[in-house]
Amino acid sequence: MDNSDGMIIALDAMGGDYAPACVVQGANEFITKRKKYKNVKFVFYGDEPRISSLLQNLPKLKNQSRIKHTSEYVASDEKPSIALRRGKNSSMRLAIDAVKKGKAAAIVSAGNTGALMAMSKLVLRPIDGIDRPAIASVMPTRRGKCIMLDLGANIDCNSDNLVQFAVMGDAFAKVMLGIEAPKIGLLNVGAEDSKGSEVVKSAAEELKEGDYPINFYGYIEGNDIAEGIVDVVVTDGFTGNVALKTAEGTAKICSDYIKAAFKSSPWAFVGGLLARFALKKSFKKLDPRLYNGAIFLGLNGISIKSHGGTDATGFANAIEVACELAKNDINSKIKEELSINHGLFNDEDELEAEIL
């Protein structure tokens, strides 16, 4: 879908710590500052009076938006099973339904991660050949950027899951990083063939010997992620989530230490003033808002998760991720590259039972 087609993005206006203000402000920042997407339109799902009030002073956004009213929303602490049963008229579910019905190219939500994953999986359903969708996102590295998956959707994975993640990550990296043949690395506790669990060893063997259209690098270790040794890091959801949160925490503490150091004395303060432009440029590369927007990769539809506590800039970035993936038809690329076809949940009741 090209920008000239007037791409429509469904927004869960009631999801996130600062909804609906952050959602509306993020959409406005996207419309006004990211000029190449000037024809994108939005449908806000949520409390119409509150959303309308926020749009009153944003004429450009108001002109490119519609509101679908619902008073229901998924609470941040609501269990996914309860959200599935009771949230059929929630802002989150209605936005996902819009993608399923072809009324929107993608859905973006800063709401409850578990509920968004469960609803997206049940409504949009996995692509043929994919057992489990994975959460994938872009991360900064010394050499630029990399893709990492899974970031928390699947705590326990088998070797087939990891192989599927590799194929999906390859397609995702081609779209988001613009790399023709991204290097795929399998996260492990060492680079030697003897290291790692049987699941990781089996996945590595399959990726080496199988007929997959990817550039498999081999094992990487945790410190290789930030170095940018590979373009795609593949791991299970437990390890991926821990690695992500550890990286975020490390970046924050480094930033805090530097700021504290420049306030430690008058001379340090002067040094900080002299270095502020260089530091600002460096810190910008690590700004988590610029990497906000993770996709539930492997579904028949684009569902983007924004961080719940992000601001307008972060939410605008999540919208940009949705637009890029829709414009480049990410799911068709995954289907083209997928050369395996494992057992799927073809029965809707069986799929819902697995989610619950």
Protein backbone atom coordinates (compact mmCIF):
# COMPACT_ATOMS: atom_id res chain seq x y z
CA MET A 1 0.00 0.00 0.00
CA ASP A 2 1.52 3.32 -1.07
CA ASN A 3 1.21 6.60 0.83
CA SER A 4 -0.90 8.06 -1.96
CA ASP A 5 -3.60 5.50 -1.20
CA GLY A 6 -4.51 7.24 2.05
CA MET A 7 -3.43 4.46 4.40
CA ILE A 8 -5.72 4.07 7.41
CA ILE A 9 -4.28 3.20 10.83
CA ALA A 10 -6.57 2.06 13.66
CA LEU A 11 -5.59 3.51 17.05
CA ASP A 12 -6.61 2.13 20.43
CA ALA A 13 -7.14 5.57 21.92
CA MET A 14 -7.75 4.27 25.45
CA GLY A 15 -4.65 2.11 25.78
CA GLY A 16 -1.60 3.28 27.72
CA ASP A 17 -0.69 5.18 30.86
CA TYR A 18 -1.54 8.59 29.40
CA ALA A 19 -4.42 7.74 27.08
CA PRO A 20 -6.14 9.23 25.26
CA ALA A 21 -3.99 12.41 25.34
CA CYS A 22 -0.72 10.66 24.42
CA VAL A 23 -2.38 8.76 21.55
CA VAL A 24 -3.87 11.92 20.04
CA GLN A 25 -0.68 13.94 20.56
CA GLY A 26 1.39 11.14 19.05
CA ALA A 27 -0.84 10.98 15.98
CA ASN A 28 -0.59 14.75 15.63
CA GLU A 29 3.20 14.69 15.87
CA PHE A 30 3.28 11.97 13.26
CA ILE A 31 1.05 13.96 10.87
CA THR A 32 2.88 17.25 11.31
CA LYS A 33 6.53 16.16 11.52
CA ARG A 34 6.83 13.05 9.36
CA LYS A 35 6.04 14.54 5.99
CA LYS A 36 6.45 11.44 3.85
CA TYR A 37 3.29 10.02 5.45
CA LYS A 38 1.15 13.08 4.82
CA ASN A 39 -1.78 11.06 3.44
CA VAL A 40 -2.11 8.67 6.37
CA LYS A 41 -5.50 8.76 8.08
CA PHE A 42 -6.51 7.60 11.54
CA VAL A 43 -9.52 6.02 13.18
CA PHE A 44 -9.54 6.54 16.95
CA TYR A 45 -11.40 3.87 18.91
CA GLY A 46 -12.47 5.07 22.35
CA ASP A 47 -14.37 7.68 24.33
CA GLU A 48 -15.62 10.13 21.68
CA PRO A 49 -16.19 13.18 23.97
CA ARG A 50 -12.66 12.97 25.37
CA ILE A 51 -11.04 12.36 21.99
CA SER A 52 -13.07 15.12 20.28
CA SER A 53 -12.02 17.59 22.94
CA LEU A 54 -8.36 16.83 22.30
CA LEU A 55 -8.80 17.19 18.53
CA GLN A 56 -10.42 20.63 18.70
CA ASN A 57 -7.10 22.50 18.59
CA LEU A 58 -5.47 20.12 16.09
CA PRO A 59 -7.20 20.98 12.78
CA LYS A 60 -4.87 19.02 10.50
CA LEU A 61 -5.20 15.83 12.53
CA LYS A 62 -8.93 16.35 12.97
CA ASN A 63 -9.32 16.61 9.20
CA GLN A 64 -7.54 13.28 8.72
CA SER A 65 -9.25 11.38 11.51
CA ARG A 66 -12.50 9.69 12.48
CA ILE A 67 -13.70 8.52 15.88
CA LYS A 68 -15.47 5.24 16.61
CA HIS A 69 -17.03 5.57 20.02
CA THR A 70 -16.91 2.94 22.73
CA SER A 71 -16.99 3.45 26.46
CA GLU A 72 -15.25 0.12 27.06
CA TYR A 73 -11.50 -0.41 27.30
CA VAL A 74 -9.01 -3.01 28.52
CA ALA A 75 -7.43 -2.13 31.85
CA SER A 76 -3.64 -2.26 32.11
CA ASP A 77 -3.78 -4.98 34.77
CA GLU A 78 -6.58 -7.04 33.24
CA LYS A 79 -5.87 -10.71 32.62
CA PRO A 80 -5.78 -11.63 28.91
CA SER A 81 -8.38 -14.37 29.40
CA ILE A 82 -10.83 -11.90 30.95
CA ALA A 83 -10.11 -9.31 28.26
CA LEU A 84 -10.91 -11.90 25.58
CA ARG A 85 -14.24 -12.82 27.13
CA ARG A 86 -15.43 -9.39 28.19
CA GLY A 87 -13.64 -7.03 25.83
CA LYS A 88 -15.37 -7.64 22.51
CA ASN A 89 -16.57 -4.04 22.45
CA SER A 90 -13.40 -2.55 23.91
CA SER A 91 -11.37 0.06 22.07
CA MET A 92 -8.56 -2.46 21.64
CA ARG A 93 -10.72 -5.22 20.19
CA LEU A 94 -12.61 -2.92 17.82
CA ALA A 95 -9.33 -1.56 16.46
CA ILE A 96 -8.06 -5.10 15.85
CA ASP A 97 -11.35 -6.03 14.19
CA ALA A 98 -10.86 -3.12 11.78
CA VAL A 99 -7.63 -4.72 10.54
CA LYS A 100 -9.29 -8.11 10.23
CA LYS A 101 -12.12 -6.61 8.14
CA GLY A 102 -9.70 -4.73 5.90
CA LYS A 103 -10.84 -1.32 7.12
CA ALA A 104 -7.38 -0.45 8.44
CA ALA A 105 -3.84 -1.35 7.41
CA ALA A 106 -2.63 -1.79 10.99
CA ILE A 107 -3.56 -1.31 14.63
CA VAL A 108 -1.39 0.53 17.18
CA SER A 109 -2.00 0.23 20.91
CA ALA A 110 -0.11 1.22 24.05
CA GLY A 111 -2.44 -0.92 26.13
CA ASN A 112 -2.19 -4.21 28.00
CA THR A 113 0.46 -6.33 26.22
CA GLY A 114 -0.99 -9.72 27.11
CA ALA A 115 -4.50 -8.73 26.09
CA LEU A 116 -3.29 -7.21 22.81
CA MET A 117 -1.33 -10.36 22.01
CA ALA A 118 -4.23 -12.66 22.84
CA MET A 119 -6.82 -10.62 20.94
CA SER A 120 -4.55 -10.13 17.94
CA LYS A 121 -3.76 -13.83 17.75
CA LEU A 122 -7.38 -14.90 18.04
CA VAL A 123 -8.77 -12.34 15.59
CA LEU A 124 -5.98 -12.07 13.02
CA ARG A 125 -4.75 -15.67 13.39
CA PRO A 126 -1.23 -16.93 12.65
CA ILE A 127 0.18 -17.10 9.13
CA ASP A 128 0.20 -20.62 7.71
CA GLY A 129 3.46 -22.22 8.78
CA ILE A 130 3.82 -20.16 11.96
CA ASP A 131 3.04 -21.90 15.24
CA ARG A 132 3.56 -18.88 17.49
CA PRO A 133 3.75 -15.17 16.71
CA ALA A 134 6.71 -13.36 18.25
CA ILE A 135 7.23 -9.84 19.53
CA ALA A 136 9.90 -8.17 17.40
CA SER A 137 11.42 -4.72 17.63
CA VAL A 138 14.39 -2.59 16.57
CA MET A 139 17.27 -2.03 19.00
CA PRO A 140 20.32 0.29 18.82
CA THR A 141 23.80 -1.18 18.40
CA ARG A 142 27.34 0.13 18.02
CA ARG A 143 27.04 -0.37 14.25
CA GLY A 144 23.53 0.97 13.81
CA LYS A 145 20.42 -1.07 14.53
CA CYS A 146 19.34 -4.68 14.86
CA ILE A 147 16.11 -6.64 15.13
CA MET A 148 15.45 -8.82 18.16
CA LEU A 149 12.76 -11.45 18.69
CA ASP A 150 11.06 -12.88 20.68
CA LEU A 151 10.78 -10.14 23.32
CA GLY A 152 8.25 -11.80 25.58
CA ALA A 153 5.37 -13.42 23.74
CA ASN A 154 6.60 -17.00 24.14
CA ILE A 155 8.32 -17.90 27.39
CA ASP A 156 8.99 -21.51 26.40
CA CYS A 157 10.00 -22.27 22.82
CA ASN A 158 10.97 -25.39 20.90
CA SER A 159 13.48 -25.50 18.06
CA ASP A 160 10.78 -25.14 15.39
CA ASN A 161 9.64 -21.89 17.00
CA LEU A 162 13.17 -20.49 16.91
CA VAL A 163 13.57 -21.45 13.25
CA GLN A 164 10.30 -19.70 12.42
CA PHE A 165 11.44 -16.62 14.36
CA ALA A 166 14.59 -16.57 12.24
CA VAL A 167 12.63 -16.61 8.98
CA MET A 168 10.24 -13.90 10.19
CA GLY A 169 13.09 -11.80 11.58
CA ASP A 170 14.83 -11.97 8.23
CA ALA A 171 11.78 -10.52 6.44
CA PHE A 172 11.30 -7.89 9.16
CA ALA A 173 14.94 -6.74 8.94
CA LYS A 174 14.73 -6.38 5.17
CA VAL A 175 11.81 -3.99 5.59
CA MET A 176 12.84 -2.02 8.70
CA LEU A 177 16.63 -1.95 8.21
CA GLY A 178 16.75 -2.03 4.42
CA ILE A 179 19.33 -4.83 4.38
CA GLU A 180 19.23 -7.23 1.43
CA ALA A 181 20.69 -10.24 3.24
CA PRO A 182 20.58 -9.61 7.01
CA LYS A 183 22.79 -11.78 9.22
CA ILE A 184 20.77 -13.93 11.59
CA GLY A 185 22.25 -14.88 14.97
CA LEU A 186 20.97 -17.36 17.54
CA LEU A 187 21.48 -16.11 21.11
CA ASN A 188 23.38 -18.62 23.22
CA VAL A 189 25.64 -18.88 26.29
CA GLY A 190 28.69 -19.38 24.10
CA ALA A 191 29.85 -19.54 20.48
CA GLU A 192 31.04 -23.14 20.64
CA ASP A 193 28.88 -25.87 19.10
CA SER A 194 28.86 -27.75 22.39
CA LYS A 195 27.30 -24.85 24.33
CA GLY A 196 23.60 -24.24 24.94
CA SER A 197 20.39 -26.15 25.50
CA GLU A 198 19.20 -28.95 23.27
CA VAL A 199 16.50 -26.64 21.89
CA VAL A 200 19.07 -24.04 20.81
CA LYS A 201 21.42 -26.69 19.38
CA SER A 202 18.59 -28.28 17.40
CA ALA A 203 17.48 -24.92 16.01
CA ALA A 204 21.05 -24.08 14.97
CA GLU A 205 21.44 -27.41 13.22
CA GLU A 206 18.16 -26.91 11.36
CA LEU A 207 19.12 -23.39 10.26
CA LYS A 208 22.50 -24.62 9.04
CA GLU A 209 21.28 -27.71 7.22
CA GLY A 210 17.75 -26.71 6.20
CA ASP A 211 16.79 -25.04 2.96
CA TYR A 212 15.94 -21.62 4.37
CA PRO A 213 16.38 -18.39 2.40
CA ILE A 214 18.33 -16.66 5.16
CA ASN A 215 21.92 -15.72 5.98
CA PHE A 216 22.52 -17.65 9.20
CA TYR A 217 25.57 -16.39 11.09
CA GLY A 218 25.48 -18.90 13.95
CA TYR A 219 25.62 -18.42 17.71
CA ILE A 220 26.09 -15.05 19.34
CA GLU A 221 26.46 -14.14 23.02
CA GLY A 222 24.75 -11.40 25.02
CA ASN A 223 27.56 -8.89 24.60
CA ASP A 224 27.39 -9.33 20.81
CA ILE A 225 23.91 -7.78 20.68
CA ALA A 226 25.09 -4.23 21.41
CA GLU A 227 28.16 -4.72 19.22
CA GLY A 228 25.89 -5.27 16.22
CA ILE A 229 27.57 -8.52 15.20
CA VAL A 230 24.34 -9.62 13.52
CA ASP A 231 21.29 -7.83 12.13
CA VAL A 232 18.71 -10.18 13.68
CA VAL A 233 18.94 -11.71 17.16
CA VAL A 234 16.76 -14.80 17.66
CA THR A 235 15.88 -16.15 21.10
CA ASP A 236 12.96 -17.30 23.25
CA GLY A 237 10.62 -14.78 24.86
CA PHE A 238 11.96 -15.22 28.38
CA THR A 239 15.58 -14.56 27.45
CA GLY A 240 14.67 -11.83 24.97
CA ASN A 241 12.59 -9.91 27.49
CA VAL A 242 15.31 -10.12 30.14
CA ALA A 243 17.93 -8.94 27.63
CA LEU A 244 15.73 -6.03 26.53
CA LYS A 245 14.94 -4.84 30.05
CA THR A 246 18.58 -5.21 31.09
CA ALA A 247 19.69 -3.08 28.13
CA GLU A 248 17.09 -0.42 28.94
CA GLY A 249 18.14 -0.34 32.58
CA THR A 250 21.83 -0.14 31.70
CA ALA A 251 21.24 2.75 29.30
CA LYS A 252 19.29 4.64 31.96
CA ILE A 253 21.86 4.16 34.72
CA CYS A 254 24.68 5.25 32.39
CA SER A 255 22.73 8.39 31.52
CA ASP A 256 22.05 9.09 35.20
CA TYR A 257 25.73 8.61 36.12
CA ILE A 258 26.89 11.01 33.42
CA LYS A 259 24.36 13.66 34.45
CA ALA A 260 25.37 13.28 38.12
CA ALA A 261 29.06 13.56 37.22
CA PHE A 262 28.55 16.88 35.45
CA LYS A 263 26.76 18.24 38.53
CA SER A 264 29.45 17.12 40.95
CA SER A 265 31.49 20.35 40.82
CA PRO A 266 31.53 23.77 39.13
CA TRP A 267 34.31 22.67 36.77
CA ALA A 268 32.43 19.49 35.87
CA PHE A 269 29.36 21.62 35.17
CA VAL A 270 31.37 23.82 32.80
CA GLY A 271 32.72 20.72 31.10
CA GLY A 272 29.19 19.45 30.70
CA LEU A 273 28.14 22.70 29.05
CA LEU A 274 31.03 22.45 26.59
CA ALA A 275 30.19 18.83 25.79
CA ARG A 276 26.40 19.17 25.76
CA PHE A 277 25.96 19.16 21.99
CA ALA A 278 28.09 16.06 21.49
CA LEU A 279 26.39 14.34 24.42
CA LYS A 280 22.95 15.25 23.15
CA LYS A 281 23.75 13.66 19.81
CA SER A 282 25.00 10.50 21.49
CA PHE A 283 22.06 10.25 23.89
CA LYS A 284 19.63 10.65 21.00
CA LYS A 285 20.91 7.41 19.51
CA LEU A 286 19.89 5.66 22.73
CA ASP A 287 16.54 7.42 23.13
CA PRO A 288 14.05 4.55 23.70
CA ARG A 289 11.27 6.60 22.12
CA LEU A 290 12.98 6.29 18.74
CA TYR A 291 12.77 2.49 18.95
CA ASN A 292 9.22 2.34 20.27
CA GLY A 293 6.82 0.11 18.40
CA ALA A 294 7.05 -3.69 18.51
CA ILE A 295 5.12 -5.93 16.14
CA PHE A 296 3.41 -9.22 16.89
CA LEU A 297 5.17 -10.86 13.98
CA GLY A 298 3.58 -13.85 12.29
CA LEU A 299 -0.10 -12.82 12.22
CA ASN A 300 -2.37 -12.22 9.25
CA GLY A 301 -2.48 -8.53 10.02
CA ILE A 302 -0.25 -5.85 11.50
CA SER A 303 -0.61 -5.29 15.25
CA ILE A 304 1.86 -2.87 16.84
CA LYS A 305 2.52 -2.57 20.57
CA SER A 306 3.68 0.80 21.87
CA HIS A 307 5.25 1.11 25.31
CA GLY A 308 2.50 1.99 27.77
CA GLY A 309 4.44 4.84 29.36
CA THR A 310 5.75 6.49 26.21
CA ASP A 311 5.13 10.10 25.21
CA ALA A 312 3.89 11.62 21.93
CA THR A 313 7.25 11.16 20.18
CA GLY A 314 7.40 7.50 21.14
CA PHE A 315 3.83 6.86 20.02
CA ALA A 316 4.50 8.64 16.74
CA ASN A 317 7.41 6.26 16.17
CA ALA A 318 5.13 3.27 16.80
CA ILE A 319 2.77 4.62 14.14
CA GLU A 320 5.69 4.95 11.74
CA VAL A 321 6.61 1.30 12.31
CA ALA A 322 3.01 0.34 11.45
CA CYS A 323 3.07 2.43 8.27
CA GLU A 324 6.40 1.05 7.09
CA LEU A 325 5.34 -2.55 7.60
CA ALA A 326 1.99 -1.97 5.89
CA LYS A 327 3.54 -0.09 2.98
CA ASN A 328 6.07 -2.89 2.42
CA ASP A 329 3.49 -5.66 2.96
CA ILE A 330 5.55 -7.46 5.59
CA ASN A 331 3.24 -10.47 5.80
CA SER A 332 3.55 -11.24 2.09
CA LYS A 333 7.32 -11.19 2.47
CA ILE A 334 7.13 -13.64 5.37
CA LYS A 335 4.89 -15.95 3.35
CA GLU A 336 7.28 -15.80 0.40
CA GLU A 337 10.24 -16.76 2.54
CA LEU A 338 8.51 -19.35 4.68
CA SER A 339 9.43 -22.78 3.38
CA ILE A 340 8.07 -24.80 6.32
CA ASN A 341 4.56 -25.69 7.32
CA HIS A 342 4.22 -26.93 10.88
CA GLY A 343 0.98 -27.86 12.62
CA LEU A 344 -1.41 -24.93 13.09
CA PHE A 345 -4.45 -24.25 15.23
CA ASN A 346 -6.96 -24.53 12.40
CA ASP A 347 -9.92 -24.84 14.74
CA GLU A 348 -10.94 -21.54 16.36
CA ASP A 349 -12.03 -23.17 19.59
CA GLU A 350 -8.69 -24.96 19.85
CA LEU A 351 -6.85 -21.69 19.24
CA GLU A 352 -8.87 -19.87 21.88
CA ALA A 353 -8.27 -22.70 24.35
CA GLU A 354 -4.51 -22.35 23.82
CA ILE A 355 -4.63 -18.59 24.40
CA LEU A 356 -6.71 -18.95 27.57
